[in-house]
Amino acid sequence: MRQWVVLSGKGGTGKTTVTASLAQLAAAQGWRLVLADADVDASNLELLLSPQLVEEHEFIGDKVAQVDPGLCYGCGLCEAACRFQAVLLSDGKASIDKIACEGCAACYYECPTGAISMPDRISGEWYRSKTAAGPLFHAQLYAGQENSGKLVTQVRMSAAALAASSAADLLLVDGPPGIGCPAIAAVSGANLALLVTEPSVSGVHDLRRALGMVRHFGVQAVACINKADISQNRADEIAAICQAEGVPLLGAIPFDEAVIEATLRRLPLTAYSDGPAARALRELWGKLQAVEA
C-alpha cells in the first residue's frame, strides 16, 4: 500500500487544493483510497469533498486538575507547587484555572488530603466520513487545546488501519503546515512526501525546512510549485534548490481563478475545471505515479 503525505512547510500554499484534486483523479482512475486530513487545527479537506459522517469519537488530549472542595482546607501547597499559576486560592479553598492548567499533576502529588484529582480532558473530536473518493478521517481540535500531534496520530493511525484492512491502493494524507509535532506525526509511515511550495520569500524558506524534516525521517521527497507564475524569479530559485538537493520537481501549477470558483462550490479543482491549473494537476498526478512505479 502506498502512503503519500502532502506537506507545505507553511500555510496557504494550496496543499489542500492539491490533495483534493489528487484524490479525485485517483478515484476516477479506479484507485481504492483512504484519506486523512492531518491538519487538525484547521481541518478543511472536508470542505472540498462533501463528506457524510459515519463515526464520531471524543479525543482525550490530556488531563486537567480538579479540586473537591469538601476535602480541601486551603493549605496552599498546591498553589506553591504549580508553576503555571493555575491554582487559585479564595475563601480558604483551592480552585483550578482550567485554561492555565497544563496537566502536570504537581498539585495532585502535593495535596495532603487527596482533594485534587486528574480526570481526562476532552480536547476535540475525530471522525470517519464517507466521500466520493473514499473514506475520510478528519478531526477538530477544540479552541485553546494542545496535543494536536497526538490527535494527528489518532487520525493517521485510524486511516492506516482501515487502508491496510481494506487492501487500499493509497493512503493519502493532507498534512498540516510547519515542521512541528503535527507535521512529524503526519509524515510518520509515509513512503512519499509531496512538498507544495509557492514562489515567495517565505515559500522558499519553508520549503528548505520541510525538506530537512522529511529527510530526517527517511521519507522520499518530491515537490511542486503552486501559483508558479506569480514570480518567475522565485520559481527559478525553487527549481534550482530542488535540482541542487536532488528533489524531483514534478509540476508548476499556474495561478487560476477557477481554484476560487471550485472552492466556493466545494469541489476539487479537477472535478470542476479543465483550465490551466487543472491540467497541471493532472500532469502532476501522472508524474507521481511514475515516481512510485
Protein backbone atom coordinates (compact mmCIF):
# COMPACT_ATOMS: atom_id res chain seq x y z
CA MET A 1 0.00 0.00 0.00
CA ARG A 2 1.30 3.44 -0.90
CA GLN A 3 1.27 6.15 1.75
CA TRP A 4 1.63 9.70 0.45
CA VAL A 5 1.61 12.84 2.55
CA VAL A 6 1.17 16.34 1.14
CA LEU A 7 3.17 18.93 3.10
CA SER A 8 3.89 22.61 2.70
CA GLY A 9 6.22 23.88 5.41
CA LYS A 10 3.86 26.87 5.71
CA GLY A 11 0.18 27.62 5.47
CA GLY A 12 -1.56 28.98 2.41
CA THR A 13 0.42 27.26 -0.32
CA GLY A 14 -2.61 25.34 -1.61
CA LYS A 15 -1.80 21.84 -0.43
CA THR A 16 -5.44 21.04 0.34
CA THR A 17 -6.41 22.09 -3.18
CA VAL A 18 -3.71 19.75 -4.49
CA THR A 19 -4.70 16.90 -2.16
CA ALA A 20 -8.39 17.07 -3.06
CA SER A 21 -7.59 17.05 -6.78
CA LEU A 22 -5.21 14.11 -6.43
CA ALA A 23 -7.91 12.21 -4.53
CA GLN A 24 -10.48 12.95 -7.25
CA LEU A 25 -8.11 11.89 -10.03
CA ALA A 26 -7.08 8.69 -8.25
CA ALA A 27 -10.69 7.69 -7.58
CA ALA A 28 -11.65 8.45 -11.19
CA GLN A 29 -8.89 6.12 -12.29
CA GLY A 30 -10.25 3.32 -10.12
CA TRP A 31 -7.82 3.51 -7.21
CA ARG A 32 -9.09 2.41 -3.81
CA LEU A 33 -8.34 5.31 -1.48
CA VAL A 34 -8.35 6.13 2.19
CA LEU A 35 -7.93 9.83 3.00
CA ALA A 36 -6.74 11.57 6.15
CA ASP A 37 -6.81 15.28 6.93
CA ALA A 38 -3.96 15.71 9.40
CA ASP A 39 -4.38 19.48 9.77
CA VAL A 40 -6.48 19.09 12.91
CA ASP A 41 -6.05 22.71 13.99
CA ALA A 42 -7.74 23.90 10.78
CA SER A 43 -9.23 20.89 9.03
CA ASN A 44 -10.56 21.85 5.59
CA LEU A 45 -10.15 18.91 3.21
CA GLU A 46 -13.75 18.07 4.06
CA LEU A 47 -14.83 21.39 2.53
CA LEU A 48 -13.85 20.14 -0.92
CA LEU A 49 -15.06 16.53 -0.61
CA SER A 50 -18.58 16.95 0.88
CA PRO A 51 -18.26 14.08 3.39
CA GLN A 52 -21.11 12.19 5.01
CA LEU A 53 -20.38 11.47 8.68
CA VAL A 54 -20.11 7.79 9.58
CA GLU A 55 -18.41 7.78 13.00
CA GLU A 56 -17.70 10.39 15.66
CA HIS A 57 -15.30 9.97 18.60
CA GLU A 58 -14.12 12.10 21.50
CA PHE A 59 -10.42 12.88 21.69
CA ILE A 60 -8.75 12.82 25.10
CA GLY A 61 -5.79 15.14 24.78
CA ASP A 62 -4.52 15.30 28.36
CA LYS A 63 -5.63 15.55 31.98
CA VAL A 64 -6.68 18.59 33.97
CA ALA A 65 -6.58 19.12 37.73
CA GLN A 66 -9.86 19.21 39.63
CA VAL A 67 -10.45 20.13 43.29
CA ASP A 68 -13.00 18.53 45.62
CA PRO A 69 -13.88 21.50 47.87
CA GLY A 70 -15.16 19.15 50.54
CA LEU A 71 -11.65 17.76 51.08
CA CYS A 72 -9.70 21.00 50.60
CA TYR A 73 -8.78 23.08 53.66
CA GLY A 74 -6.69 25.70 51.87
CA CYS A 75 -3.18 24.74 52.96
CA GLY A 76 -1.70 26.34 49.82
CA LEU A 77 0.76 23.56 48.98
CA CYS A 78 -0.86 23.06 45.59
CA GLU A 79 -0.57 26.74 44.77
CA ALA A 80 3.11 26.75 45.67
CA ALA A 81 3.76 23.65 43.55
CA CYS A 82 2.07 24.98 40.41
CA ARG A 83 4.45 26.74 38.00
CA PHE A 84 1.65 27.82 35.68
CA GLN A 85 -0.39 29.90 38.16
CA ALA A 86 -3.32 27.59 37.51
CA VAL A 87 -4.19 27.08 41.18
CA LEU A 88 -6.28 29.86 42.74
CA LEU A 89 -6.88 30.25 46.50
CA SER A 90 -10.04 32.04 47.55
CA ASP A 91 -12.00 31.93 50.83
CA GLY A 92 -9.74 29.16 52.12
CA LYS A 93 -10.36 26.85 49.18
CA ALA A 94 -8.35 26.00 46.09
CA SER A 95 -9.75 26.03 42.58
CA ILE A 96 -8.24 25.39 39.15
CA ASP A 97 -7.99 27.71 36.15
CA LYS A 98 -8.59 25.04 33.51
CA ILE A 99 -7.19 27.22 30.73
CA ALA A 100 -3.89 27.72 32.55
CA CYS A 101 -3.63 24.12 33.80
CA GLU A 102 -1.01 22.10 31.88
CA GLY A 103 -1.94 18.77 33.47
CA CYS A 104 1.49 18.30 35.05
CA ALA A 105 -0.10 16.86 38.27
CA ALA A 106 2.32 18.64 40.63
CA CYS A 107 -0.63 19.86 42.69
CA TYR A 108 -2.08 16.33 42.76
CA TYR A 109 1.08 14.90 44.32
CA GLU A 110 1.46 17.78 46.81
CA CYS A 111 -2.10 17.70 48.15
CA PRO A 112 -2.05 16.10 51.64
CA THR A 113 -5.80 15.40 51.74
CA GLY A 114 -6.34 13.89 48.29
CA ALA A 115 -8.61 16.79 47.33
CA ILE A 116 -7.14 17.03 43.84
CA SER A 117 -7.82 14.53 41.07
CA MET A 118 -6.66 14.41 37.44
CA PRO A 119 -9.62 13.48 35.21
CA ASP A 120 -9.27 13.25 31.43
CA ARG A 121 -9.92 16.40 29.43
CA ILE A 122 -11.87 16.12 26.18
CA SER A 123 -9.80 18.23 23.80
CA GLY A 124 -11.54 17.60 20.49
CA GLU A 125 -13.27 15.11 18.24
CA TRP A 126 -12.21 12.90 15.36
CA TYR A 127 -14.41 11.49 12.63
CA ARG A 128 -14.68 8.91 9.92
CA SER A 129 -16.71 10.08 6.93
CA LYS A 130 -17.68 8.82 3.51
CA THR A 131 -16.73 10.74 0.35
CA ALA A 132 -16.92 10.07 -3.36
CA ALA A 133 -13.15 9.50 -3.37
CA GLY A 134 -13.13 7.12 -0.41
CA PRO A 135 -13.26 7.07 3.41
CA LEU A 136 -12.00 10.28 5.03
CA PHE A 137 -10.61 10.55 8.56
CA HIS A 138 -10.57 14.08 9.94
CA ALA A 139 -10.74 15.88 13.27
CA GLN A 140 -11.42 19.06 15.18
CA LEU A 141 -9.19 20.26 17.99
CA TYR A 142 -11.12 22.48 20.38
CA ALA A 143 -10.00 26.10 20.72
CA GLY A 144 -7.18 26.58 23.21
CA GLN A 145 -6.37 22.87 23.44
CA GLU A 146 -2.98 21.27 22.87
CA ASN A 147 -1.62 17.85 21.87
CA SER A 148 -2.51 18.34 18.22
CA GLY A 149 0.33 15.94 17.37
CA LYS A 150 -1.43 13.26 19.38
CA LEU A 151 -4.69 13.92 17.55
CA VAL A 152 -2.91 13.80 14.18
CA THR A 153 -1.53 10.40 15.18
CA GLN A 154 -5.04 9.22 16.05
CA VAL A 155 -6.36 10.33 12.67
CA ARG A 156 -3.46 8.91 10.67
CA MET A 157 -3.33 5.58 12.52
CA SER A 158 -7.08 5.08 12.15
CA ALA A 159 -6.82 5.79 8.43
CA ALA A 160 -3.80 3.50 8.05
CA ALA A 161 -5.58 0.65 9.85
CA LEU A 162 -8.59 0.88 7.53
CA ALA A 163 -6.34 1.18 4.47
CA ALA A 164 -4.46 -1.96 5.47
CA SER A 165 -7.56 -3.99 6.32
CA SER A 166 -9.36 -2.98 3.12
CA ALA A 167 -6.31 -3.52 0.87
CA ALA A 168 -6.46 0.08 -0.33
CA ASP A 169 -4.14 1.19 -3.09
CA LEU A 170 -3.28 4.51 -1.48
CA LEU A 171 -3.43 6.27 1.87
CA LEU A 172 -3.37 9.98 1.02
CA VAL A 173 -2.69 12.38 3.90
CA ASP A 174 -3.28 16.12 3.74
CA GLY A 175 -0.61 17.28 6.18
CA PRO A 176 -0.51 20.31 8.44
CA PRO A 177 1.72 23.33 7.82
CA GLY A 178 5.04 23.76 9.56
CA ILE A 179 7.60 21.23 10.78
CA GLY A 180 6.45 20.71 14.37
CA CYS A 181 4.83 17.76 16.12
CA PRO A 182 1.68 17.68 13.92
CA ALA A 183 3.76 17.57 10.71
CA ILE A 184 6.07 14.93 12.18
CA ALA A 185 3.06 12.81 13.15
CA ALA A 186 1.62 13.22 9.64
CA VAL A 187 4.81 12.13 7.86
CA SER A 188 5.28 9.07 10.05
CA GLY A 189 4.91 5.89 8.00
CA ALA A 190 4.77 7.69 4.64
CA ASN A 191 6.86 6.49 1.72
CA LEU A 192 6.47 9.68 -0.32
CA ALA A 193 6.10 13.34 0.66
CA LEU A 194 4.84 15.85 -1.89
CA LEU A 195 6.10 19.29 -0.87
CA VAL A 196 3.80 22.02 -2.18
CA THR A 197 5.54 25.38 -2.24
CA GLU A 198 4.94 28.83 -3.66
CA PRO A 199 7.25 31.40 -5.32
CA SER A 200 7.66 33.75 -2.36
CA VAL A 201 10.37 34.50 0.19
CA SER A 202 8.59 32.53 2.91
CA GLY A 203 7.76 29.76 0.44
CA VAL A 204 11.44 29.27 -0.39
CA HIS A 205 12.46 29.42 3.27
CA ASP A 206 9.86 26.95 4.47
CA LEU A 207 10.48 24.55 1.58
CA ARG A 208 14.01 24.12 2.90
CA ARG A 209 12.69 23.47 6.41
CA ALA A 210 10.11 20.96 5.25
CA LEU A 211 12.67 19.15 3.13
CA GLY A 212 15.02 18.88 6.10
CA MET A 213 12.26 17.43 8.27
CA VAL A 214 11.17 14.90 5.66
CA ARG A 215 14.73 13.74 5.04
CA HIS A 216 15.38 13.41 8.76
CA PHE A 217 12.68 10.74 8.85
CA GLY A 218 13.92 8.99 5.72
CA VAL A 219 10.91 9.80 3.53
CA GLN A 220 11.35 10.33 -0.20
CA ALA A 221 10.53 13.91 -1.23
CA VAL A 222 9.17 15.37 -4.45
CA ALA A 223 7.96 18.92 -4.99
CA CYS A 224 5.61 21.11 -6.98
CA ILE A 225 5.21 24.87 -7.21
CA ASN A 226 1.72 26.29 -6.82
CA LYS A 227 0.84 29.70 -8.29
CA ALA A 228 4.15 29.31 -10.09
CA ASP A 229 3.69 32.24 -12.45
CA ILE A 230 3.27 34.98 -9.84
CA SER A 231 7.07 35.33 -9.50
CA GLN A 232 9.30 33.79 -12.14
CA ASN A 233 12.47 34.68 -10.23
CA ARG A 234 11.32 32.85 -7.09
CA ALA A 235 10.06 29.92 -9.14
CA ASP A 236 13.50 29.66 -10.75
CA GLU A 237 15.08 29.80 -7.30
CA ILE A 238 12.89 26.91 -6.13
CA ALA A 239 13.78 24.90 -9.23
CA ALA A 240 17.48 25.50 -8.53
CA ILE A 241 17.07 24.37 -4.91
CA CYS A 242 15.28 21.19 -5.97
CA GLN A 243 17.99 20.41 -8.52
CA ALA A 244 20.78 21.02 -6.01
CA GLU A 245 19.05 18.88 -3.38
CA GLY A 246 18.14 16.08 -5.78
CA VAL A 247 14.40 16.58 -5.27
CA PRO A 248 12.30 15.90 -8.37
CA LEU A 249 10.23 18.97 -9.26
CA LEU A 250 7.12 17.36 -10.70
CA GLY A 251 4.99 20.33 -11.59
CA ALA A 252 4.40 24.06 -11.80
CA ILE A 253 0.73 24.92 -11.25
CA PRO A 254 -0.21 28.36 -12.60
CA PHE A 255 -2.41 30.85 -10.83
CA ASP A 256 -6.00 30.22 -11.90
CA GLU A 257 -9.18 31.93 -10.67
CA ALA A 258 -11.00 28.63 -11.27
CA VAL A 259 -9.46 27.48 -7.97
CA ILE A 260 -11.53 30.08 -6.13
CA GLU A 261 -14.66 29.15 -8.08
CA ALA A 262 -14.20 25.44 -7.37
CA THR A 263 -13.62 26.12 -3.68
CA LEU A 264 -16.80 28.18 -3.46
CA ARG A 265 -18.67 25.24 -4.98
CA ARG A 266 -16.94 22.83 -2.57
CA LEU A 267 -15.42 20.78 -5.39
CA PRO A 268 -11.91 19.55 -6.19
CA LEU A 269 -10.48 21.72 -8.92
CA THR A 270 -10.06 18.80 -11.33
CA ALA A 271 -13.76 17.94 -10.96
CA TYR A 272 -14.78 21.49 -11.78
CA SER A 273 -12.37 22.86 -14.37
CA ASP A 274 -10.27 21.91 -17.35
CA GLY A 275 -8.29 25.14 -17.12
CA PRO A 276 -4.53 25.56 -16.82
CA ALA A 277 -4.28 24.74 -13.11
CA ALA A 278 -6.43 21.62 -13.50
CA ARG A 279 -4.34 20.45 -16.46
CA ALA A 280 -1.17 20.97 -14.42
CA LEU A 281 -2.64 18.90 -11.60
CA ARG A 282 -3.47 16.07 -13.99
CA GLU A 283 0.13 16.13 -15.21
CA LEU A 284 1.31 16.08 -11.59
CA TRP A 285 -0.86 13.03 -10.88
CA GLY A 286 0.69 11.17 -13.81
CA LYS A 287 4.23 12.03 -12.68
CA LEU A 288 3.50 10.94 -9.11
CA GLN A 289 2.51 7.51 -10.32
CA ALA A 290 5.74 7.27 -12.30
CA VAL A 291 7.79 8.16 -9.21
CA GLU A 292 6.12 5.37 -7.27
CA ALA A 293 6.28 2.82 -10.10
